PDB file of N, CA and C in Angstrom:
ATOM      1  N   MET A   1       0.842  -1.186   0.012  1.00  0.00           N
ATOM      2  CA  MET A   1       0.008  -0.005   0.008  1.00  0.00           C
ATOM      3  C   MET A   1       0.883   1.249  -0.004  1.00  0.00           C
ATOM      4  N   GLY A   2       0.652   2.112  -0.962  1.00  0.00           N
ATOM      5  CA  GLY A   2       1.460   3.314  -1.049  1.00  0.00           C
ATOM      6  C   GLY A   2       0.641   4.547  -0.674  1.00  0.00           C
ATOM      7  N   ILE A   3       1.294   5.680  -0.766  1.00  0.00           N
ATOM      8  CA  ILE A   3       0.656   6.962  -0.435  1.00  0.00           C
ATOM      9  C   ILE A   3      -0.561   7.219  -1.308  1.00  0.00           C
ATOM     10  N   ALA A   4      -0.416   6.988  -2.630  1.00  0.00           N
ATOM     11  CA  ALA A   4      -1.518   7.249  -3.533  1.00  0.00           C
ATOM     12  C   ALA A   4      -2.732   6.371  -3.207  1.00  0.00           C
ATOM     13  N   HIS A   5      -2.494   5.103  -2.940  1.00  0.00           N
ATOM     14  CA  HIS A   5      -3.604   4.206  -2.600  1.00  0.00           C
ATOM     15  C   HIS A   5      -4.243   4.626  -1.279  1.00  0.00           C
ATOM     16  N   ARG A   6      -3.420   4.949  -0.326  1.00  0.00           N
ATOM     17  CA  ARG A   6      -3.934   5.317   0.997  1.00  0.00           C
ATOM     18  C   ARG A   6      -4.870   6.516   0.977  1.00  0.00           C
ATOM     19  N   PHE A   7      -4.487   7.517   0.163  1.00  0.00           N
ATOM     20  CA  PHE A   7      -5.283   8.758   0.105  1.00  0.00           C
ATOM     21  C   PHE A   7      -6.279   8.804  -1.073  1.00  0.00           C
ATOM     22  N   GLY A   8      -6.278   7.752  -1.880  1.00  0.00           N
ATOM     23  CA  GLY A   8      -7.226   7.682  -3.006  1.00  0.00           C
ATOM     24  C   GLY A   8      -6.812   8.539  -4.190  1.00  0.00           C
ATOM     25  N   TRP A   9      -5.507   8.775  -4.310  1.00  0.00           N
ATOM     26  CA  TRP A   9      -5.012   9.596  -5.424  1.00  0.00           C
ATOM     27  C   TRP A   9      -4.579   8.672  -6.570  1.00  0.00           C
ATOM     28  N   SER A  10      -4.382   9.268  -7.756  1.00  0.00           N
ATOM     29  CA  SER A  10      -3.862   8.550  -8.884  1.00  0.00           C
ATOM     30  C   SER A  10      -2.364   8.379  -8.702  1.00  0.00           C
ATOM     31  N   ALA A  11      -1.904   7.122  -8.838  1.00  0.00           N
ATOM     32  CA  ALA A  11      -0.478   6.841  -8.688  1.00  0.00           C
ATOM     33  C   ALA A  11       0.337   7.554  -9.784  1.00  0.00           C
ATOM     34  N   THR A  12      -0.199   7.571 -10.998  1.00  0.00           N
ATOM     35  CA  THR A  12       0.513   8.234 -12.119  1.00  0.00           C
ATOM     36  C   THR A  12       0.657   9.723 -11.847  1.00  0.00           C
ATOM     37  N   LEU A  13      -0.420  10.344 -11.390  1.00  0.00           N
ATOM     38  CA  LEU A  13      -0.345  11.773 -11.087  1.00  0.00           C
ATOM     39  C   LEU A  13       0.667  12.049  -9.991  1.00  0.00           C
ATOM     40  N   LEU A  14       0.695  11.226  -8.970  1.00  0.00           N
ATOM     41  CA  LEU A  14       1.642  11.406  -7.899  1.00  0.00           C
ATOM     42  C   LEU A  14       3.094  11.236  -8.389  1.00  0.00           C
ATOM     43  N   ARG A  15       3.287  10.278  -9.295  1.00  0.00           N
ATOM     44  CA  ARG A  15       4.639  10.115  -9.866  1.00  0.00           C
ATOM     45  C   ARG A  15       5.066  11.305 -10.664  1.00  0.00           C
ATOM     46  N   VAL A  16       4.165  11.821 -11.471  1.00  0.00           N
ATOM     47  CA  VAL A  16       4.484  13.009 -12.301  1.00  0.00           C
ATOM     48  C   VAL A  16       4.795  14.199 -11.415  1.00  0.00           C
ATOM     49  N   VAL A  17       3.995  14.405 -10.364  1.00  0.00           N
ATOM     50  CA  VAL A  17       4.269  15.517  -9.461  1.00  0.00           C
ATOM     51  C   VAL A  17       5.620  15.347  -8.787  1.00  0.00           C
ATOM     52  N   HIS A  18       5.968  14.124  -8.410  1.00  0.00           N
ATOM     53  CA  HIS A  18       7.238  13.885  -7.779  1.00  0.00           C
ATOM     54  C   HIS A  18       8.390  14.192  -8.725  1.00  0.00           C
ATOM     55  N   VAL A  19       8.303  13.734  -9.977  1.00  0.00           N
ATOM     56  CA  VAL A  19       9.379  13.950 -10.938  1.00  0.00           C
ATOM     57  C   VAL A  19       9.535  15.453 -11.218  1.00  0.00           C
ATOM     58  N   VAL A  20       8.416  16.155 -11.451  1.00  0.00           N
ATOM     59  CA  VAL A  20       8.486  17.585 -11.708  1.00  0.00           C
ATOM     60  C   VAL A  20       9.066  18.325 -10.515  1.00  0.00           C
ATOM     61  N   GLY A  21       8.629  17.940  -9.330  1.00  0.00           N
ATOM     62  CA  GLY A  21       9.147  18.568  -8.099  1.00  0.00           C
ATOM     63  C   GLY A  21      10.619  18.318  -7.938  1.00  0.00           C
ATOM     64  N   SER A  22      11.080  17.116  -8.246  1.00  0.00           N
ATOM     65  CA  SER A  22      12.498  16.805  -8.150  1.00  0.00           C
ATOM     66  C   SER A  22      13.343  17.619  -9.114  1.00  0.00           C
ATOM     67  N   ILE A  23      12.865  17.716 -10.367  1.00  0.00           N
ATOM     68  CA  ILE A  23      13.591  18.497 -11.356  1.00  0.00           C
ATOM     69  C   ILE A  23      13.615  19.975 -10.977  1.00  0.00           C
ATOM     70  N   ALA A  24      12.472  20.482 -10.518  1.00  0.00           N
ATOM     71  CA  ALA A  24      12.399  21.915 -10.144  1.00  0.00           C
ATOM     72  C   ALA A  24      13.308  22.202  -8.959  1.00  0.00           C
ATOM     73  N   SER A  25      13.357  21.319  -7.974  1.00  0.00           N
ATOM     74  CA  SER A  25      14.163  21.588  -6.781  1.00  0.00           C
ATOM     75  C   SER A  25      15.658  21.469  -7.109  1.00  0.00           C
ATOM     76  N   ALA A  26      15.969  20.625  -8.099  1.00  0.00           N
ATOM     77  CA  ALA A  26      17.407  20.483  -8.489  1.00  0.00           C
ATOM     78  C   ALA A  26      17.863  21.671  -9.317  1.00  0.00           C
ATOM     79  N   ALA A  27      16.954  22.249 -10.122  1.00  0.00           N
ATOM     80  CA  ALA A  27      17.266  23.354 -10.998  1.00  0.00           C
ATOM     81  C   ALA A  27      17.196  24.700 -10.273  1.00  0.00           C
ATOM     82  N   PHE A  28      16.446  24.768  -9.222  1.00  0.00           N
ATOM     83  CA  PHE A  28      16.199  26.054  -8.522  1.00  0.00           C
ATOM     84  C   PHE A  28      17.473  26.771  -8.089  1.00  0.00           C
ATOM     85  N   PRO A  29      18.433  26.092  -7.444  1.00  0.00           N
ATOM     86  CA  PRO A  29      19.665  26.786  -7.066  1.00  0.00           C
ATOM     87  C   PRO A  29      20.429  27.343  -8.249  1.00  0.00           C
ATOM     88  N   GLY A  30      20.445  26.589  -9.333  1.00  0.00           N
ATOM     89  CA  GLY A  30      21.126  27.060 -10.565  1.00  0.00           C
ATOM     90  C   GLY A  30      20.489  28.290 -11.131  1.00  0.00           C
ATOM     91  N   ILE A  31      19.160  28.317 -11.103  1.00  0.00           N
ATOM     92  CA  ILE A  31      18.405  29.477 -11.627  1.00  0.00           C
ATOM     93  C   ILE A  31      18.727  30.706 -10.763  1.00  0.00           C
ATOM     94  N   LEU A  32      18.751  30.511  -9.441  1.00  0.00           N
ATOM     95  CA  LEU A  32      19.052  31.657  -8.533  1.00  0.00           C
ATOM     96  C   LEU A  32      20.476  32.193  -8.770  1.00  0.00           C
ATOM     97  N   VAL A  33      21.421  31.297  -8.943  1.00  0.00           N
ATOM     98  CA  VAL A  33      22.813  31.739  -9.188  1.00  0.00           C
ATOM     99  C   VAL A  33      22.874  32.493 -10.519  1.00  0.00           C
ATOM    100  N   TYR A  34      22.213  31.993 -11.557  1.00  0.00           N
ATOM    101  CA  TYR A  34      22.222  32.664 -12.843  1.00  0.00           C
ATOM    102  C   TYR A  34      21.604  34.065 -12.717  1.00  0.00           C
ATOM    103  N   LEU A  35      20.484  34.168 -12.036  1.00  0.00           N
ATOM    104  CA  LEU A  35      19.851  35.502 -11.901  1.00  0.00           C
ATOM    105  C   LEU A  35      20.702  36.443 -11.060  1.00  0.00           C
ATOM    106  N   PHE A  36      21.399  35.909 -10.054  1.00  0.00           N
ATOM    107  CA  PHE A  36      22.254  36.746  -9.228  1.00  0.00           C
ATOM    108  C   PHE A  36      23.479  37.231 -10.001  1.00  0.00           C
ATOM    109  N   LEU A  37      24.007  36.410 -10.847  1.00  0.00           N
ATOM    110  CA  LEU A  37      25.205  36.791 -11.627  1.00  0.00           C
ATOM    111  C   LEU A  37      24.909  37.412 -12.956  1.00  0.00           C
ATOM    112  N   TRP A  38      23.673  37.496 -13.362  1.00  0.00           N
ATOM    113  CA  TRP A  38      23.286  38.075 -14.644  1.00  0.00           C
ATOM    114  C   TRP A  38      23.850  39.478 -14.848  1.00  0.00           C
ATOM    115  N   PRO A  39      23.841  40.359 -13.863  1.00  0.00           N
ATOM    116  CA  PRO A  39      24.380  41.707 -14.071  1.00  0.00           C
ATOM    117  C   PRO A  39      25.883  41.690 -14.396  1.00  0.00           C
ATOM    118  N   LEU A  40      26.591  40.635 -14.050  1.00  0.00           N
ATOM    119  CA  LEU A  40      28.035  40.569 -14.267  1.00  0.00           C
ATOM    120  C   LEU A  40      28.389  40.088 -15.670  1.00  0.00           C
ATOM    121  N   ILE A  41      27.403  39.555 -16.386  1.00  0.00           N
ATOM    122  CA  ILE A  41      27.648  39.046 -17.737  1.00  0.00           C
ATOM    123  C   ILE A  41      27.832  40.244 -18.682  1.00  0.00           C
ATOM    124  N   PRO A  42      28.946  40.304 -19.401  1.00  0.00           N
ATOM    125  CA  PRO A  42      29.142  41.443 -20.309  1.00  0.00           C
ATOM    126  C   PRO A  42      28.127  41.402 -21.441  1.00  0.00           C
ATOM    127  N   SER A  43      27.661  42.573 -21.841  1.00  0.00           N
ATOM    128  CA  SER A  43      26.717  42.693 -22.924  1.00  0.00           C
ATOM    129  C   SER A  43      27.468  42.582 -24.276  1.00  0.00           C
ATOM    130  N   GLU A  44      26.753  42.349 -25.342  1.00  0.00           N
ATOM    131  CA  GLU A  44      27.365  42.232 -26.663  1.00  0.00           C
ATOM    132  C   GLU A  44      27.987  43.536 -27.114  1.00  0.00           C
ATOM    133  N   ALA A  45      27.506  44.661 -26.616  1.00  0.00           N
ATOM    134  CA  ALA A  45      28.015  45.952 -27.020  1.00  0.00           C
ATOM    135  C   ALA A  45      29.415  46.225 -26.462  1.00  0.00           C
ATOM    136  N   ASP A  46      29.778  45.521 -25.372  1.00  0.00           N
ATOM    137  CA  ASP A  46      31.090  45.783 -24.759  1.00  0.00           C
ATOM    138  C   ASP A  46      32.191  45.161 -25.475  1.00  0.00           C
TER     139      ASP A  46
END
C-alpha cells in the first residue's frame, strides 16, 4: 500500500508531481545563481 492508494489519489499523477518537483528543486539553485550573476555578464556591445 502506497501513499496514492492510502489517500485515493492517482499513482500516475503522484509520480508526475514527484518527478516535476525533483527536477524543479534540483534546478532552482542554478536558476538563482544565474539570476544573481546576470548583471556581471558582459553585454554584446562591450
